[in-house]
């Protein structure tokens, strides 16, 4: 197992040469929120799906005392109650946008074979946007700019929820 660090811009992935990621069979990214909850997410899996997430907290426990009388401690992994085995609830316009992404990927998806991209098919963000901007697709408004704002809001929500990954004007569905 190799432990590596991302650069200052996490969106660009791990630092170093691209052959490092190309040689990896499984990549699991760990992130910690402000409350100390850690989320492990499969971001690359050579022969399987990506996007599975597991959230947990580290619980410090005392094992005993050393010869100087100082406590000896370790950490236990405690599943976080908010974790739902990588499932994220999506509803409303975001659900419609996600369904349109699934449909667009099924019809036009391609697999990008580059180390910086995850496994699985993707489509251009512009193709997904076009499907979402159709009247009634994610917004009932007749105004195209209102529909465009609705799309941006849905895209940002789905990206923040880690249900989709947007990189280099391409979009992947992270969770089934």
N, C-alpha and C. Protein backbone atom coordinates (compact mmCIF):
# COMPACT_ATOMS: atom_id res chain seq x y z
N UNK A 1 0.85 -1.16 0.00
CA UNK A 1 0.00 0.00 0.00
C UNK A 1 0.90 1.23 0.00
N UNK A 2 0.49 2.23 -0.75
CA UNK A 2 1.22 3.48 -0.86
C UNK A 2 0.33 4.60 -0.34
N UNK A 3 0.85 5.43 0.55
CA UNK A 3 0.12 6.59 1.04
C UNK A 3 0.68 7.80 0.33
N UNK A 4 -0.20 8.61 -0.26
CA UNK A 4 0.23 9.76 -1.03
C UNK A 4 -0.64 10.95 -0.66
N UNK A 5 -0.24 12.13 -1.04
CA UNK A 5 -0.97 13.34 -0.69
C UNK A 5 -1.38 14.10 -1.94
N UNK A 6 -2.53 14.75 -1.84
CA UNK A 6 -2.95 15.61 -2.94
C UNK A 6 -2.19 16.93 -2.85
N UNK A 7 -2.20 17.67 -3.94
CA UNK A 7 -1.56 18.97 -3.94
C UNK A 7 -2.46 20.01 -3.31
N UNK A 8 -2.10 21.27 -3.46
CA UNK A 8 -2.91 22.35 -2.90
C UNK A 8 -4.30 22.38 -3.53
N UNK A 9 -4.38 22.08 -4.82
CA UNK A 9 -5.67 22.02 -5.51
C UNK A 9 -6.09 20.56 -5.57
N UNK A 10 -6.98 20.15 -4.66
CA UNK A 10 -7.41 18.76 -4.57
C UNK A 10 -8.05 18.28 -5.85
N UNK A 11 -8.69 19.19 -6.59
CA UNK A 11 -9.35 18.82 -7.84
C UNK A 11 -8.40 18.29 -8.89
N UNK A 12 -7.12 18.63 -8.77
CA UNK A 12 -6.13 18.15 -9.74
C UNK A 12 -5.57 16.78 -9.39
N UNK A 13 -5.97 16.24 -8.22
CA UNK A 13 -5.51 14.91 -7.84
C UNK A 13 -4.16 14.96 -7.14
N UNK A 14 -3.56 13.77 -7.03
CA UNK A 14 -2.30 13.63 -6.32
C UNK A 14 -1.16 14.33 -7.06
N UNK A 15 -0.16 14.74 -6.29
CA UNK A 15 1.02 15.36 -6.89
C UNK A 15 1.87 14.28 -7.56
N UNK A 16 2.79 14.71 -8.39
CA UNK A 16 3.72 13.77 -8.99
C UNK A 16 3.35 13.42 -10.42
N UNK A 17 4.11 12.53 -10.98
CA UNK A 17 3.95 12.13 -12.37
C UNK A 17 2.67 11.33 -12.56
N UNK A 18 2.06 11.43 -13.74
CA UNK A 18 0.80 10.75 -14.02
C UNK A 18 0.96 9.23 -14.05
N UNK A 19 2.18 8.72 -14.22
CA UNK A 19 2.37 7.28 -14.22
C UNK A 19 2.11 6.68 -12.84
N UNK A 20 2.20 7.50 -11.80
CA UNK A 20 1.91 7.02 -10.45
C UNK A 20 0.47 6.55 -10.37
N UNK A 21 -0.47 7.38 -10.82
CA UNK A 21 -1.89 7.00 -10.78
C UNK A 21 -2.18 5.90 -11.79
N UNK A 22 -1.50 5.91 -12.91
CA UNK A 22 -1.75 4.88 -13.93
C UNK A 22 -1.40 3.49 -13.42
N UNK A 23 -0.44 3.39 -12.50
CA UNK A 23 -0.01 2.10 -11.99
C UNK A 23 -0.86 1.61 -10.82
N UNK A 24 -1.78 2.41 -10.34
CA UNK A 24 -2.59 2.07 -9.17
C UNK A 24 -3.82 1.29 -9.59
N UNK A 25 -4.12 0.20 -8.85
CA UNK A 25 -5.34 -0.57 -9.10
C UNK A 25 -6.52 0.02 -8.35
N UNK A 26 -6.30 0.44 -7.12
CA UNK A 26 -7.37 1.01 -6.30
C UNK A 26 -6.86 2.28 -5.63
N UNK A 27 -7.65 3.34 -5.74
CA UNK A 27 -7.30 4.60 -5.08
C UNK A 27 -8.47 4.99 -4.17
N UNK A 28 -8.16 5.24 -2.91
CA UNK A 28 -9.17 5.64 -1.93
C UNK A 28 -8.74 6.99 -1.37
N UNK A 29 -9.61 7.98 -1.53
CA UNK A 29 -9.31 9.33 -1.07
C UNK A 29 -9.99 9.56 0.28
N UNK A 30 -9.22 10.06 1.24
CA UNK A 30 -9.75 10.37 2.56
C UNK A 30 -9.87 11.88 2.72
N UNK A 31 -11.02 12.33 3.21
CA UNK A 31 -11.23 13.74 3.51
C UNK A 31 -11.83 13.85 4.91
N UNK A 32 -11.52 14.94 5.58
CA UNK A 32 -12.03 15.17 6.93
C UNK A 32 -12.79 16.49 6.94
N UNK A 33 -14.00 16.47 7.54
CA UNK A 33 -14.78 17.70 7.64
C UNK A 33 -14.44 18.44 8.93
N UNK A 34 -15.10 19.57 9.15
CA UNK A 34 -14.81 20.41 10.31
C UNK A 34 -15.16 19.73 11.63
N UNK A 35 -16.05 18.74 11.61
CA UNK A 35 -16.46 18.06 12.83
C UNK A 35 -15.61 16.82 13.11
N UNK A 36 -14.63 16.55 12.27
CA UNK A 36 -13.76 15.40 12.48
C UNK A 36 -14.23 14.12 11.81
N UNK A 37 -15.36 14.18 11.09
CA UNK A 37 -15.82 13.00 10.37
C UNK A 37 -14.96 12.80 9.14
N UNK A 38 -14.50 11.59 8.95
CA UNK A 38 -13.63 11.25 7.82
C UNK A 38 -14.45 10.45 6.82
N UNK A 39 -14.29 10.77 5.54
CA UNK A 39 -14.97 10.03 4.50
C UNK A 39 -13.93 9.41 3.59
N UNK A 40 -14.04 8.10 3.41
CA UNK A 40 -13.19 7.37 2.48
C UNK A 40 -14.01 7.12 1.22
N UNK A 41 -13.48 7.53 0.06
CA UNK A 41 -14.20 7.36 -1.20
C UNK A 41 -13.31 6.68 -2.22
N UNK A 42 -13.85 5.66 -2.88
CA UNK A 42 -13.12 4.98 -3.94
C UNK A 42 -13.15 5.90 -5.16
N UNK A 43 -12.00 6.46 -5.52
CA UNK A 43 -11.92 7.37 -6.66
C UNK A 43 -11.34 6.72 -7.90
N UNK A 44 -10.73 5.54 -7.73
CA UNK A 44 -10.27 4.77 -8.89
C UNK A 44 -10.31 3.31 -8.52
N UNK A 45 -10.87 2.51 -9.41
CA UNK A 45 -10.92 1.06 -9.23
C UNK A 45 -10.74 0.46 -10.61
N UNK A 46 -9.61 -0.19 -10.82
CA UNK A 46 -9.27 -0.66 -12.16
C UNK A 46 -10.37 -1.52 -12.79
N UNK A 47 -10.90 -2.49 -12.07
CA UNK A 47 -11.88 -3.40 -12.66
C UNK A 47 -13.22 -3.36 -11.93
N UNK A 48 -13.60 -2.21 -11.44
CA UNK A 48 -14.87 -2.13 -10.73
C UNK A 48 -15.39 -0.71 -10.67
N UNK A 49 -16.51 -0.52 -10.00
CA UNK A 49 -17.12 0.81 -9.93
C UNK A 49 -16.39 1.72 -8.96
N UNK A 50 -16.49 3.00 -9.20
CA UNK A 50 -15.96 4.00 -8.28
C UNK A 50 -17.13 4.69 -7.59
N UNK A 51 -16.81 5.50 -6.60
CA UNK A 51 -17.83 6.32 -5.97
C UNK A 51 -18.34 5.81 -4.64
N UNK A 52 -18.00 4.58 -4.24
CA UNK A 52 -18.48 4.10 -2.95
C UNK A 52 -17.84 4.94 -1.85
N UNK A 53 -18.66 5.35 -0.87
CA UNK A 53 -18.15 6.16 0.24
C UNK A 53 -18.52 5.53 1.58
N UNK A 54 -17.63 5.71 2.54
CA UNK A 54 -17.84 5.24 3.90
C UNK A 54 -17.35 6.34 4.83
N UNK A 55 -18.21 6.77 5.75
CA UNK A 55 -17.84 7.84 6.69
C UNK A 55 -17.66 7.26 8.08
N UNK A 56 -16.69 7.82 8.80
CA UNK A 56 -16.39 7.33 10.14
C UNK A 56 -15.71 8.43 10.96
N UNK A 57 -15.60 8.18 12.25
CA UNK A 57 -14.83 9.03 13.14
C UNK A 57 -13.84 8.14 13.87
N UNK A 58 -12.74 8.73 14.31
CA UNK A 58 -11.75 8.00 15.09
C UNK A 58 -12.03 8.22 16.57
N UNK A 59 -12.18 7.13 17.30
CA UNK A 59 -12.46 7.18 18.74
C UNK A 59 -11.19 6.77 19.48
N UNK A 60 -10.61 7.69 20.25
CA UNK A 60 -9.39 7.39 20.99
C UNK A 60 -9.73 6.57 22.24
N UNK A 61 -8.99 5.48 22.46
CA UNK A 61 -9.18 4.64 23.65
C UNK A 61 -7.83 4.43 24.33
N UNK A 62 -7.88 4.29 25.63
CA UNK A 62 -6.66 4.07 26.40
C UNK A 62 -6.44 2.58 26.58
N UNK A 63 -5.23 2.13 26.28
CA UNK A 63 -4.90 0.71 26.39
C UNK A 63 -4.30 0.37 27.74
N UNK A 64 -3.73 1.34 28.38
CA UNK A 64 -3.05 1.12 29.66
C UNK A 64 -2.00 2.19 29.86
N UNK A 65 -1.02 1.88 30.70
CA UNK A 65 0.05 2.83 31.00
C UNK A 65 1.39 2.22 30.62
N UNK A 66 2.32 3.10 30.20
CA UNK A 66 3.68 2.61 29.92
C UNK A 66 4.48 2.60 31.22
N UNK A 67 5.78 2.25 31.13
CA UNK A 67 6.61 2.12 32.34
C UNK A 67 6.78 3.44 33.09
N UNK A 68 6.55 4.59 32.42
CA UNK A 68 6.64 5.90 33.09
C UNK A 68 5.30 6.34 33.66
N UNK A 69 4.28 5.55 33.45
CA UNK A 69 2.95 5.92 33.94
C UNK A 69 2.15 6.77 32.97
N UNK A 70 2.68 6.98 31.76
CA UNK A 70 1.95 7.75 30.75
C UNK A 70 0.93 6.84 30.05
N UNK A 71 -0.23 7.42 29.70
CA UNK A 71 -1.24 6.58 29.02
C UNK A 71 -0.78 6.16 27.62
N UNK A 72 -1.09 4.93 27.26
CA UNK A 72 -0.86 4.41 25.91
C UNK A 72 -2.24 4.36 25.25
N UNK A 73 -2.35 5.04 24.10
CA UNK A 73 -3.65 5.13 23.43
C UNK A 73 -3.56 4.61 22.00
N UNK A 74 -4.73 4.33 21.45
CA UNK A 74 -4.87 3.99 20.05
C UNK A 74 -6.22 4.52 19.59
N UNK A 75 -6.50 4.38 18.33
CA UNK A 75 -7.78 4.84 17.79
C UNK A 75 -8.57 3.67 17.24
N UNK A 76 -9.88 3.72 17.44
CA UNK A 76 -10.80 2.77 16.85
C UNK A 76 -11.61 3.49 15.79
N UNK A 77 -11.92 2.79 14.71
CA UNK A 77 -12.75 3.36 13.65
C UNK A 77 -14.20 3.10 14.01
N UNK A 78 -14.98 4.18 14.18
CA UNK A 78 -16.39 4.08 14.51
C UNK A 78 -17.19 4.60 13.31
N UNK A 79 -18.01 3.75 12.69
CA UNK A 79 -18.83 4.25 11.57
C UNK A 79 -19.67 5.45 12.02
N UNK A 80 -19.74 6.46 11.18
CA UNK A 80 -20.53 7.64 11.49
C UNK A 80 -21.99 7.32 11.22
N UNK A 81 -22.85 7.75 12.12
CA UNK A 81 -24.26 7.45 11.96
C UNK A 81 -24.87 8.12 10.75
N UNK A 82 -24.24 9.18 10.27
CA UNK A 82 -24.78 9.87 9.10
C UNK A 82 -24.39 9.17 7.80
N UNK A 83 -23.42 8.28 7.86
CA UNK A 83 -23.00 7.57 6.64
C UNK A 83 -24.05 6.54 6.27
N UNK A 84 -24.36 6.47 5.00
CA UNK A 84 -25.33 5.50 4.52
C UNK A 84 -24.73 4.69 3.38
N UNK A 85 -23.54 4.17 3.64
CA UNK A 85 -22.86 3.30 2.66
C UNK A 85 -22.80 3.91 1.28
N UNK A 86 -22.49 5.20 1.21
CA UNK A 86 -22.28 5.84 -0.07
C UNK A 86 -23.54 6.27 -0.78
N UNK A 87 -24.70 6.19 -0.15
CA UNK A 87 -25.95 6.61 -0.79
C UNK A 87 -26.23 8.07 -0.45
N UNK A 88 -26.60 8.83 -1.43
CA UNK A 88 -26.94 10.24 -1.25
C UNK A 88 -28.35 10.46 -1.78
N UNK A 89 -29.19 11.10 -0.97
CA UNK A 89 -30.56 11.38 -1.40
C UNK A 89 -30.55 12.58 -2.34
N UNK A 90 -31.14 12.42 -3.50
CA UNK A 90 -31.24 13.49 -4.48
C UNK A 90 -32.70 13.57 -4.91
N UNK A 91 -33.27 14.77 -4.88
CA UNK A 91 -34.68 14.91 -5.26
C UNK A 91 -34.89 16.18 -6.07
N UNK A 92 -36.11 16.35 -6.55
CA UNK A 92 -36.49 17.55 -7.28
C UNK A 92 -35.77 17.68 -8.61
N UNK A 93 -35.40 18.94 -8.91
CA UNK A 93 -34.74 19.24 -10.18
C UNK A 93 -33.41 18.50 -10.30
N UNK A 94 -32.69 18.37 -9.17
CA UNK A 94 -31.41 17.65 -9.20
C UNK A 94 -31.61 16.20 -9.61
N UNK A 95 -32.70 15.57 -9.15
CA UNK A 95 -32.99 14.19 -9.54
C UNK A 95 -33.26 14.11 -11.03
N UNK A 96 -34.01 15.09 -11.57
CA UNK A 96 -34.28 15.13 -13.01
C UNK A 96 -32.99 15.30 -13.80
N UNK A 97 -32.12 16.21 -13.33
CA UNK A 97 -30.84 16.43 -14.01
C UNK A 97 -29.98 15.17 -13.97
N UNK A 98 -30.00 14.47 -12.83
CA UNK A 98 -29.23 13.23 -12.71
C UNK A 98 -29.78 12.15 -13.63
N UNK A 99 -31.10 12.05 -13.72
CA UNK A 99 -31.70 11.08 -14.64
C UNK A 99 -31.33 11.40 -16.09
N UNK A 100 -31.31 12.69 -16.43
CA UNK A 100 -30.90 13.08 -17.79
C UNK A 100 -29.43 12.76 -18.04
N UNK A 101 -28.60 12.91 -17.01
CA UNK A 101 -27.19 12.55 -17.15
C UNK A 101 -27.07 11.05 -17.40
N UNK A 102 -27.79 10.25 -16.63
CA UNK A 102 -27.75 8.80 -16.83
C UNK A 102 -28.15 8.44 -18.26
N UNK A 103 -29.21 9.08 -18.75
CA UNK A 103 -29.70 8.81 -20.11
C UNK A 103 -28.66 9.24 -21.14
N UNK A 104 -28.07 10.42 -20.94
CA UNK A 104 -27.06 10.93 -21.89
C UNK A 104 -25.83 10.04 -21.90
N UNK A 105 -25.40 9.58 -20.74
CA UNK A 105 -24.24 8.67 -20.68
C UNK A 105 -24.58 7.35 -21.37
N UNK A 106 -25.79 6.84 -21.15
CA UNK A 106 -26.19 5.58 -21.79
C UNK A 106 -26.19 5.71 -23.31
N UNK A 107 -26.59 6.88 -23.82
CA UNK A 107 -26.68 7.07 -25.26
C UNK A 107 -25.35 7.48 -25.89
N UNK A 108 -24.57 8.32 -25.18
CA UNK A 108 -23.39 8.91 -25.82
C UNK A 108 -22.11 8.80 -25.00
N UNK A 109 -22.14 8.07 -23.90
CA UNK A 109 -20.98 8.01 -23.02
C UNK A 109 -19.78 7.34 -23.65
N UNK A 110 -18.60 7.85 -23.31
CA UNK A 110 -17.34 7.26 -23.76
C UNK A 110 -16.41 7.10 -22.56
N UNK A 111 -15.55 6.13 -22.64
CA UNK A 111 -14.57 5.89 -21.59
C UNK A 111 -13.29 6.64 -21.93
N UNK A 112 -12.82 7.46 -21.01
CA UNK A 112 -11.58 8.21 -21.22
C UNK A 112 -10.44 7.45 -20.56
N UNK A 113 -9.46 7.08 -21.32
CA UNK A 113 -8.34 6.29 -20.80
C UNK A 113 -7.15 7.20 -20.50
N UNK A 114 -7.31 8.04 -19.49
CA UNK A 114 -6.22 8.90 -19.05
C UNK A 114 -6.09 8.73 -17.54
N UNK A 115 -4.88 8.79 -17.01
CA UNK A 115 -4.69 8.55 -15.57
C UNK A 115 -5.45 9.53 -14.67
N UNK A 116 -5.67 10.75 -15.14
CA UNK A 116 -6.34 11.73 -14.30
C UNK A 116 -7.86 11.58 -14.29
N UNK A 117 -8.39 10.65 -15.11
CA UNK A 117 -9.83 10.46 -15.19
C UNK A 117 -10.24 9.16 -14.50
N UNK A 118 -11.43 9.16 -13.90
CA UNK A 118 -11.92 7.93 -13.27
C UNK A 118 -12.36 6.91 -14.31
N UNK A 119 -12.52 5.68 -13.86
CA UNK A 119 -13.02 4.64 -14.74
C UNK A 119 -14.50 4.89 -14.99
N UNK A 120 -15.00 4.38 -16.07
CA UNK A 120 -16.41 4.52 -16.38
C UNK A 120 -16.66 5.53 -17.47
N UNK A 121 -17.83 5.45 -18.09
CA UNK A 121 -18.15 6.36 -19.19
C UNK A 121 -18.46 7.77 -18.71
N UNK A 122 -18.24 8.73 -19.59
CA UNK A 122 -18.52 10.13 -19.30
C UNK A 122 -19.07 10.78 -20.56
N UNK A 123 -19.59 11.98 -20.39
CA UNK A 123 -20.03 12.81 -21.52
C UNK A 123 -19.55 14.23 -21.27
N UNK A 124 -19.58 15.04 -22.29
CA UNK A 124 -19.24 16.44 -22.14
C UNK A 124 -20.33 17.15 -21.33
N UNK A 125 -19.92 18.08 -20.48
CA UNK A 125 -20.88 18.84 -19.69
C UNK A 125 -21.87 19.55 -20.60
N UNK A 126 -21.39 20.03 -21.77
CA UNK A 126 -22.29 20.74 -22.68
C UNK A 126 -23.42 19.85 -23.20
N UNK A 127 -23.16 18.56 -23.40
CA UNK A 127 -24.20 17.62 -23.85
C UNK A 127 -25.25 17.43 -22.75
N UNK A 128 -24.79 17.31 -21.53
CA UNK A 128 -25.69 17.18 -20.38
C UNK A 128 -26.52 18.46 -20.21
N UNK A 129 -25.83 19.61 -20.34
CA UNK A 129 -26.50 20.91 -20.20
C UNK A 129 -27.61 21.05 -21.24
N UNK A 130 -27.32 20.69 -22.49
CA UNK A 130 -28.33 20.78 -23.56
C UNK A 130 -29.58 19.98 -23.21
N UNK A 131 -29.39 18.78 -22.69
CA UNK A 131 -30.54 17.94 -22.32
C UNK A 131 -31.34 18.60 -21.19
N UNK A 132 -30.65 19.21 -20.24
CA UNK A 132 -31.31 19.84 -19.10
C UNK A 132 -31.98 21.16 -19.46
N UNK A 133 -31.50 21.83 -20.51
CA UNK A 133 -32.07 23.13 -20.89
C UNK A 133 -33.33 23.00 -21.74
N UNK A 134 -33.68 21.78 -22.13
CA UNK A 134 -34.94 21.59 -22.85
C UNK A 134 -36.09 22.06 -21.97
N UNK A 135 -37.06 22.77 -22.53
CA UNK A 135 -38.19 23.25 -21.73
C UNK A 135 -38.88 22.10 -20.98
N UNK A 136 -39.04 22.28 -19.67
CA UNK A 136 -39.70 21.28 -18.84
C UNK A 136 -38.80 20.18 -18.32
N UNK A 137 -37.55 20.13 -18.76
CA UNK A 137 -36.66 19.05 -18.34
C UNK A 137 -36.34 19.14 -16.84
N UNK A 138 -35.84 20.30 -16.40
CA UNK A 138 -35.58 20.49 -14.97
C UNK A 138 -36.25 21.75 -14.44
N UNK A 139 -36.80 22.56 -15.33
CA UNK A 139 -37.47 23.80 -14.95
C UNK A 139 -38.67 24.03 -15.88
N UNK A 140 -39.76 24.51 -15.30
CA UNK A 140 -40.96 24.77 -16.08
C UNK A 140 -40.93 26.15 -16.74
N UNK A 141 -39.88 26.93 -16.50
CA UNK A 141 -39.80 28.29 -17.02
C UNK A 141 -39.63 28.30 -18.54
N UNK A 142 -40.21 29.32 -19.17
CA UNK A 142 -40.02 29.54 -20.60
C UNK A 142 -38.73 30.29 -20.89
N UNK A 143 -38.16 30.91 -19.86
CA UNK A 143 -36.95 31.71 -19.99
C UNK A 143 -35.71 30.80 -19.97
N UNK A 144 -34.93 30.83 -21.05
CA UNK A 144 -33.76 29.96 -21.16
C UNK A 144 -32.72 30.27 -20.08
N UNK A 145 -32.58 31.54 -19.72
CA UNK A 145 -31.60 31.91 -18.68
C UNK A 145 -32.01 31.34 -17.32
N UNK A 146 -33.29 31.30 -17.02
CA UNK A 146 -33.78 30.70 -15.77
C UNK A 146 -33.46 29.21 -15.77
N UNK A 147 -33.67 28.55 -16.91
CA UNK A 147 -33.35 27.12 -17.02
C UNK A 147 -31.85 26.89 -16.88
N UNK A 148 -31.03 27.82 -17.43
CA UNK A 148 -29.57 27.69 -17.31
C UNK A 148 -29.13 27.83 -15.85
N UNK A 149 -29.75 28.77 -15.11
CA UNK A 149 -29.43 28.92 -13.69
C UNK A 149 -29.85 27.66 -12.92
N UNK A 150 -30.98 27.09 -13.28
CA UNK A 150 -31.44 25.85 -12.63
C UNK A 150 -30.45 24.73 -12.88
N UNK A 151 -29.93 24.65 -14.12
CA UNK A 151 -28.94 23.62 -14.44
C UNK A 151 -27.68 23.80 -13.60
N UNK A 152 -27.17 25.04 -13.52
CA UNK A 152 -25.95 25.30 -12.75
C UNK A 152 -26.14 24.93 -11.27
N UNK A 153 -27.31 25.25 -10.75
CA UNK A 153 -27.61 24.92 -9.35
C UNK A 153 -27.64 23.41 -9.15
N UNK A 154 -28.28 22.68 -10.06
CA UNK A 154 -28.33 21.22 -9.98
C UNK A 154 -26.93 20.62 -10.12
N UNK A 155 -26.18 21.10 -11.09
CA UNK A 155 -24.82 20.59 -11.30
C UNK A 155 -23.97 20.80 -10.05
N UNK A 156 -24.04 22.00 -9.47
CA UNK A 156 -23.26 22.28 -8.26
C UNK A 156 -23.70 21.40 -7.10
N UNK A 157 -25.01 21.22 -6.94
CA UNK A 157 -25.52 20.37 -5.86
C UNK A 157 -25.04 18.93 -6.02
N UNK A 158 -25.14 18.40 -7.23
CA UNK A 158 -24.73 17.01 -7.48
C UNK A 158 -23.22 16.84 -7.34
N UNK A 159 -22.47 17.87 -7.70
CA UNK A 159 -21.01 17.81 -7.55
C UNK A 159 -20.64 17.86 -6.07
N UNK A 160 -21.27 18.77 -5.32
CA UNK A 160 -20.99 18.88 -3.88
C UNK A 160 -21.37 17.60 -3.14
N UNK A 161 -22.44 16.95 -3.59
CA UNK A 161 -22.88 15.70 -2.96
C UNK A 161 -22.04 14.51 -3.43
N UNK A 162 -21.10 14.77 -4.33
CA UNK A 162 -20.21 13.74 -4.88
C UNK A 162 -20.97 12.62 -5.59
N UNK A 163 -22.07 13.01 -6.23
CA UNK A 163 -22.84 12.06 -7.04
C UNK A 163 -22.36 12.11 -8.47
N UNK A 164 -21.83 13.27 -8.88
CA UNK A 164 -21.21 13.40 -10.20
C UNK A 164 -19.82 14.01 -10.02
N UNK A 165 -18.96 13.74 -10.96
CA UNK A 165 -17.63 14.33 -10.97
C UNK A 165 -17.47 15.10 -12.27
N UNK A 166 -17.13 16.38 -12.16
CA UNK A 166 -16.90 17.22 -13.33
C UNK A 166 -15.42 17.55 -13.36
N UNK A 167 -14.79 17.22 -14.49
CA UNK A 167 -13.37 17.51 -14.66
C UNK A 167 -13.09 17.76 -16.13
N UNK A 168 -12.45 18.87 -16.44
CA UNK A 168 -12.06 19.20 -17.82
C UNK A 168 -13.27 19.20 -18.78
N UNK A 169 -14.37 19.80 -18.35
CA UNK A 169 -15.60 19.88 -19.15
C UNK A 169 -16.19 18.52 -19.49
N UNK A 170 -15.87 17.50 -18.70
CA UNK A 170 -16.46 16.17 -18.82
C UNK A 170 -17.16 15.85 -17.50
N UNK A 171 -18.17 15.01 -17.57
CA UNK A 171 -18.91 14.65 -16.35
C UNK A 171 -19.10 13.14 -16.27
N UNK A 172 -18.87 12.59 -15.06
CA UNK A 172 -19.05 11.18 -14.77
C UNK A 172 -20.12 11.03 -13.71
N UNK A 173 -20.84 9.95 -13.77
CA UNK A 173 -21.79 9.58 -12.71
C UNK A 173 -20.99 8.78 -11.70
N UNK A 174 -20.93 9.21 -10.45
CA UNK A 174 -20.09 8.56 -9.45
C UNK A 174 -20.82 7.41 -8.79
N UNK A 175 -22.10 7.60 -8.45
CA UNK A 175 -22.86 6.56 -7.76
C UNK A 175 -23.93 5.98 -8.66
N UNK A 176 -24.13 4.67 -8.58
CA UNK A 176 -25.24 4.08 -9.33
C UNK A 176 -26.57 4.42 -8.69
